[in-house]
Amino acid sequence: MTGKSSISPSKISILKLEPKKSPTQRRSTETYELILQITAELLAEVGIGRLSTNLVCQRAGLSPPALYRYFPNKYALLHELGIRLMNVQNEIIEQCITPDVLLNPTENLQPALVKLFLDTHRVTLESTAGPWVTRAMRAVPALSDARIESHREVTAAMFEGLSMLYPSVNRDELEIAVRLSVELMYAAIETLFDDPQLDTMRVANSTAWLVYDMYARIGIMAARPAV
């Protein structure tokens, strides 16, 4: 068995990423979860390039057919890990951008954005190979659609509240601002993974102020009377 993938980069974009089947019995569920857990552990140890289904089978004590019953390739494994991580990350939004924040944004919005940043950073670190899964979702072309769709969901969730906060702002302009703020926060979190010497709290505060200032600017612009 080899640790190298036999799939060329040119074929990644057409790979099937959805699991072949969902487990229905306790034993199959345990096998399914074991495969994902071993994949995450190996990803943290060897990285995206060296990860392979053969390595997962070796570590899990499974035959390749047992793995392929659920996942057609290593990118399907990464896809499932990414979806799970992003779902956990997305749940944080409604815990941070609350009605109280929107009722008093001058005092509460920037601290709420800091909390959103820190909580997202924390749950990613607490997830096995969370930083590596995050990198994979950006680095592997086949996984980009899932990452983009997740960011769209985050944008929609934040836009819903912020559109009430800034009712006079053009909706298209606000949606773009929200999407950019989402990308900025995730990029800053990834920067912390790449350079752990950076101070997490300082990065969180600086990022939150950048996002807050962007929202405040478009709110001020919308409030100006037409000339």
Protein backbone atom coordinates (compact mmCIF):
# COMPACT_ATOMS: atom_id res chain seq x y z
CA MET A 1 0.00 0.00 0.00
CA THR A 2 1.16 3.53 -0.72
CA GLY A 3 0.40 6.84 0.99
CA LYS A 4 0.21 8.71 -2.33
CA SER A 5 -3.02 9.54 -4.14
CA SER A 6 -3.35 8.09 -7.65
CA ILE A 7 -5.86 10.76 -8.69
CA SER A 8 -4.49 13.56 -10.84
CA PRO A 9 -5.38 17.19 -10.00
CA SER A 10 -7.14 17.56 -13.37
CA LYS A 11 -9.72 14.98 -12.30
CA ILE A 12 -10.40 16.38 -8.83
CA SER A 13 -13.15 18.73 -9.99
CA ILE A 14 -15.27 15.85 -11.35
CA LEU A 15 -14.90 13.52 -8.39
CA LYS A 16 -17.94 12.31 -6.52
CA LEU A 17 -17.87 13.76 -3.01
CA GLU A 18 -21.10 12.59 -1.44
CA PRO A 19 -20.95 9.41 0.66
CA LYS A 20 -22.07 6.35 -1.29
CA LYS A 21 -24.44 5.29 1.47
CA SER A 22 -25.43 6.29 4.97
CA PRO A 23 -25.05 3.78 7.80
CA THR A 24 -28.30 2.34 9.08
CA GLN A 25 -27.16 -0.09 11.76
CA ARG A 26 -25.08 0.43 14.88
CA ARG A 27 -22.08 -1.51 13.59
CA SER A 28 -22.04 0.30 10.24
CA THR A 29 -22.43 3.64 12.03
CA GLU A 30 -19.44 2.82 14.21
CA THR A 31 -17.38 1.92 11.13
CA TYR A 32 -18.48 5.11 9.36
CA GLU A 33 -17.49 7.28 12.30
CA LEU A 34 -14.22 5.38 12.79
CA ILE A 35 -13.27 6.09 9.18
CA LEU A 36 -13.88 9.80 9.63
CA GLN A 37 -12.05 9.93 12.97
CA ILE A 38 -9.01 8.13 11.56
CA THR A 39 -9.06 10.40 8.51
CA ALA A 40 -8.99 13.48 10.75
CA GLU A 41 -6.15 12.07 12.85
CA LEU A 42 -4.08 11.22 9.79
CA LEU A 43 -4.79 14.58 8.20
CA ALA A 44 -3.31 16.27 11.28
CA GLU A 45 -0.27 13.98 11.12
CA VAL A 46 0.59 13.84 7.40
CA GLY A 47 -1.29 16.72 5.75
CA ILE A 48 -3.53 16.85 2.71
CA GLY A 49 -1.02 15.69 0.10
CA ARG A 50 0.04 12.48 1.85
CA LEU A 51 -3.39 11.52 3.10
CA SER A 52 -4.80 8.51 1.24
CA THR A 53 -7.60 5.99 1.58
CA ASN A 54 -4.94 3.26 1.91
CA LEU A 55 -3.45 4.98 4.95
CA VAL A 56 -6.92 5.31 6.47
CA CYS A 57 -7.58 1.61 5.91
CA GLN A 58 -4.24 0.64 7.45
CA ARG A 59 -4.82 2.74 10.57
CA ALA A 60 -8.47 1.70 10.96
CA GLY A 61 -7.81 -1.99 10.30
CA LEU A 62 -10.27 -2.06 7.41
CA SER A 63 -10.11 -3.44 3.91
CA PRO A 64 -10.41 -0.92 1.05
CA PRO A 65 -13.83 -2.30 0.02
CA ALA A 66 -15.10 -1.62 3.55
CA LEU A 67 -14.13 2.04 3.21
CA TYR A 68 -15.31 2.37 -0.38
CA ARG A 69 -18.71 1.11 0.69
CA TYR A 70 -19.18 4.58 2.18
CA PHE A 71 -16.62 6.92 0.62
CA PRO A 72 -15.48 6.77 -3.02
CA ASN A 73 -12.18 8.62 -2.51
CA LYS A 74 -10.13 10.67 -0.05
CA TYR A 75 -11.76 13.89 -1.20
CA ALA A 76 -15.15 12.54 -0.16
CA LEU A 77 -13.67 12.00 3.30
CA LEU A 78 -12.36 15.56 3.42
CA HIS A 79 -15.70 16.84 2.12
CA GLU A 80 -17.63 15.15 4.94
CA LEU A 81 -15.18 16.42 7.57
CA GLY A 82 -15.47 19.93 6.11
CA ILE A 83 -19.27 19.90 6.07
CA ARG A 84 -19.37 18.79 9.69
CA LEU A 85 -16.90 21.44 10.81
CA MET A 86 -18.62 24.23 8.91
CA ASN A 87 -22.01 23.25 10.32
CA VAL A 88 -20.62 23.60 13.84
CA GLN A 89 -19.04 26.94 12.93
CA ASN A 90 -22.27 28.24 11.39
CA GLU A 91 -24.29 27.46 14.50
CA ILE A 92 -22.28 30.09 16.39
CA ILE A 93 -23.71 33.01 14.43
CA GLU A 94 -27.13 33.12 16.07
CA GLN A 95 -25.45 32.81 19.46
CA CYS A 96 -23.37 35.95 18.79
CA ILE A 97 -25.47 38.18 16.52
CA THR A 98 -28.49 38.35 18.84
CA PRO A 99 -31.46 40.76 18.90
CA ASP A 100 -29.82 42.62 21.79
CA VAL A 101 -26.76 43.25 19.65
CA LEU A 102 -28.88 44.63 16.83
CA LEU A 103 -30.88 46.84 19.19
CA ASN A 104 -27.73 48.53 20.49
CA PRO A 105 -25.05 48.09 17.81
CA THR A 106 -22.91 51.05 18.89
CA GLU A 107 -21.99 49.28 22.12
CA ASN A 108 -22.57 45.64 21.25
CA LEU A 109 -21.74 44.92 17.60
CA GLN A 110 -17.96 45.04 17.75
CA PRO A 111 -17.77 42.87 20.91
CA ALA A 112 -20.24 40.46 19.29
CA LEU A 113 -18.00 40.20 16.24
CA VAL A 114 -15.04 39.49 18.53
CA LYS A 115 -17.02 36.71 20.21
CA LEU A 116 -18.02 35.30 16.82
CA PHE A 117 -14.37 35.29 15.74
CA LEU A 118 -13.05 33.73 18.94
CA ASP A 119 -15.78 31.08 19.18
CA THR A 120 -15.27 30.07 15.54
CA HIS A 121 -11.52 29.88 16.13
CA ARG A 122 -12.05 27.83 19.29
CA VAL A 123 -14.42 25.21 17.85
CA THR A 124 -12.12 24.78 14.86
CA LEU A 125 -9.13 24.12 17.13
CA GLU A 126 -11.20 21.74 19.27
CA SER A 127 -12.17 19.71 16.22
CA THR A 128 -9.68 16.98 15.32
CA ALA A 129 -7.50 18.38 12.52
CA GLY A 130 -9.79 21.43 12.39
CA PRO A 131 -7.11 23.77 10.96
CA TRP A 132 -6.15 21.16 8.38
CA VAL A 133 -9.77 20.59 7.39
CA THR A 134 -10.11 24.36 7.00
CA ARG A 135 -7.03 24.48 4.78
CA ALA A 136 -8.32 21.56 2.70
CA MET A 137 -11.63 23.29 2.04
CA ARG A 138 -9.74 26.21 0.53
CA ALA A 139 -6.81 24.39 -1.10
CA VAL A 140 -8.58 21.51 -2.84
CA PRO A 141 -10.56 22.66 -5.91
CA ALA A 142 -13.12 19.88 -5.55
CA LEU A 143 -14.07 21.14 -2.09
CA SER A 144 -14.45 24.82 -2.97
CA ASP A 145 -18.16 24.56 -3.80
CA ALA A 146 -18.93 23.27 -0.31
CA ARG A 147 -16.89 26.05 1.30
CA ILE A 148 -18.52 28.73 -0.85
CA GLU A 149 -22.00 27.39 -0.11
CA SER A 150 -21.26 27.42 3.61
CA HIS A 151 -20.04 31.02 3.42
CA ARG A 152 -23.21 31.93 1.54
CA GLU A 153 -25.24 30.45 4.38
CA VAL A 154 -23.24 32.47 6.92
CA THR A 155 -23.76 35.59 4.80
CA ALA A 156 -27.51 34.98 4.60
CA ALA A 157 -27.77 34.47 8.35
CA MET A 158 -25.86 37.67 9.16
CA PHE A 159 -27.61 39.64 6.40
CA GLU A 160 -31.01 38.84 7.86
CA GLY A 161 -30.17 40.64 11.10
CA LEU A 162 -28.07 43.43 9.64
CA SER A 163 -30.72 44.36 7.08
CA MET A 164 -32.95 45.31 10.03
CA LEU A 165 -30.10 47.30 11.54
CA TYR A 166 -29.46 49.19 8.31
CA PRO A 167 -32.88 49.33 6.59
CA SER A 168 -31.96 52.28 4.36
CA VAL A 169 -28.86 50.63 2.90
CA ASN A 170 -29.15 49.19 -0.59
CA ARG A 171 -29.67 45.46 -0.07
CA ASP A 172 -27.22 44.44 -2.77
CA GLU A 173 -24.53 46.67 -1.29
CA LEU A 174 -25.18 45.35 2.20
CA GLU A 175 -25.07 41.75 1.05
CA ILE A 176 -21.69 42.32 -0.60
CA ALA A 177 -20.40 43.97 2.57
CA VAL A 178 -21.58 41.05 4.68
CA ARG A 179 -20.02 38.51 2.33
CA LEU A 180 -16.70 40.37 2.38
CA SER A 181 -16.81 40.51 6.17
CA VAL A 182 -17.38 36.75 6.30
CA GLU A 183 -14.40 36.12 4.02
CA LEU A 184 -12.27 38.53 6.05
CA MET A 185 -13.03 36.80 9.34
CA TYR A 186 -12.31 33.32 7.98
CA ALA A 187 -9.10 34.53 6.33
CA ALA A 188 -7.95 36.07 9.62
CA ILE A 189 -8.70 32.83 11.48
CA GLU A 190 -6.70 30.86 8.92
CA THR A 191 -3.85 33.33 9.37
CA LEU A 192 -3.76 32.41 13.06
CA PHE A 193 -3.46 28.74 12.11
CA ASP A 194 -0.59 29.52 9.74
CA ASP A 195 1.23 31.81 12.16
CA PRO A 196 0.54 30.77 15.78
CA GLN A 197 2.91 33.46 17.05
CA LEU A 198 0.23 36.08 16.35
CA ASP A 199 -1.82 37.16 19.34
CA THR A 200 -5.31 35.70 18.94
CA MET A 201 -7.11 38.41 20.89
CA ARG A 202 -5.40 41.23 19.02
CA VAL A 203 -6.25 39.65 15.68
CA ALA A 204 -9.85 39.12 16.79
CA ASN A 205 -10.20 42.74 17.91
CA SER A 206 -8.58 44.18 14.79
CA THR A 207 -10.71 42.04 12.48
CA ALA A 208 -13.89 42.91 14.37
CA TRP A 209 -13.11 46.64 14.12
CA LEU A 210 -12.50 46.35 10.39
CA VAL A 211 -15.86 44.66 9.93
CA TYR A 212 -17.64 47.07 12.27
CA ASP A 213 -16.17 50.09 10.49
CA MET A 214 -17.30 48.72 7.13
CA TYR A 215 -20.87 48.32 8.36
CA ALA A 216 -20.80 51.73 10.02
CA ARG A 217 -19.54 53.36 6.82
CA ILE A 218 -22.31 52.00 4.64
CA GLY A 219 -24.83 52.99 7.32
CA ILE A 220 -23.51 56.58 7.34
CA MET A 221 -23.49 56.73 3.55
CA ALA A 222 -27.09 55.52 3.39
CA ALA A 223 -28.18 58.12 5.95
CA ARG A 224 -26.81 61.04 3.95
CA PRO A 225 -29.48 63.00 2.09
CA ALA A 226 -29.43 62.72 -1.67
CA VAL A 227 -27.83 65.70 -3.41
